Amino acid sequence: MTPSTAAAPSTHPTTSSRPDTAGWWHREALRLPFAVLVDRRVAGTTSYWYADPVRRQVEIGSTWLGRAWWSTGINQEAKRLLLEHAFTGLGCDKVMFRTDPENIRSQQALERLGAVRDGVVRRDWPRPDGTWRDSIYYSLLRDEWASA
């Protein structure tokens, strides 16, 4: 899994200690996307969102995988890589996630990672059709990650 850009997704298979990600925390970008690669094929994407150096937290989201990689453990592995990097590489104290209340698979996957359901935020995210959806927020704290 590597940081990617719209123009040229990377093909390097890991996230740790990449010099091109050093200092991303200090940039003013809202999102840092990663390509999820399996055997050099793009399986999907996931991202860091809303890095907050004051509260030492980041959100992981905008994750999607092609159907061929559902129920293969790839999502869990990608999330674990991002969590490890957030806590050990970026010095985060908290990592957050949000999901659609109708996406039960996503909620179950987050709970398997050890994330705690924090609650529901109503009318949180606009849908492409102009309606609004609620979001279920989850989080994982540094000390919880250490014991997960």
Foldseek 3Di string as FASTA:
>chain_A
DDFQDPVGADQDAAHPPDPVCPPVLVDPDQKTKHFQDDPSHGFWIKIWGDRDVVQQEIEIDPTDGPPVCPPVCSVVVVVLRVVCCSCPVSVGFKYKYKDFPVPVVVVVSCVVQVWDFPAKAAQDAADPVGGGTIITMTMDGNVSNVVD
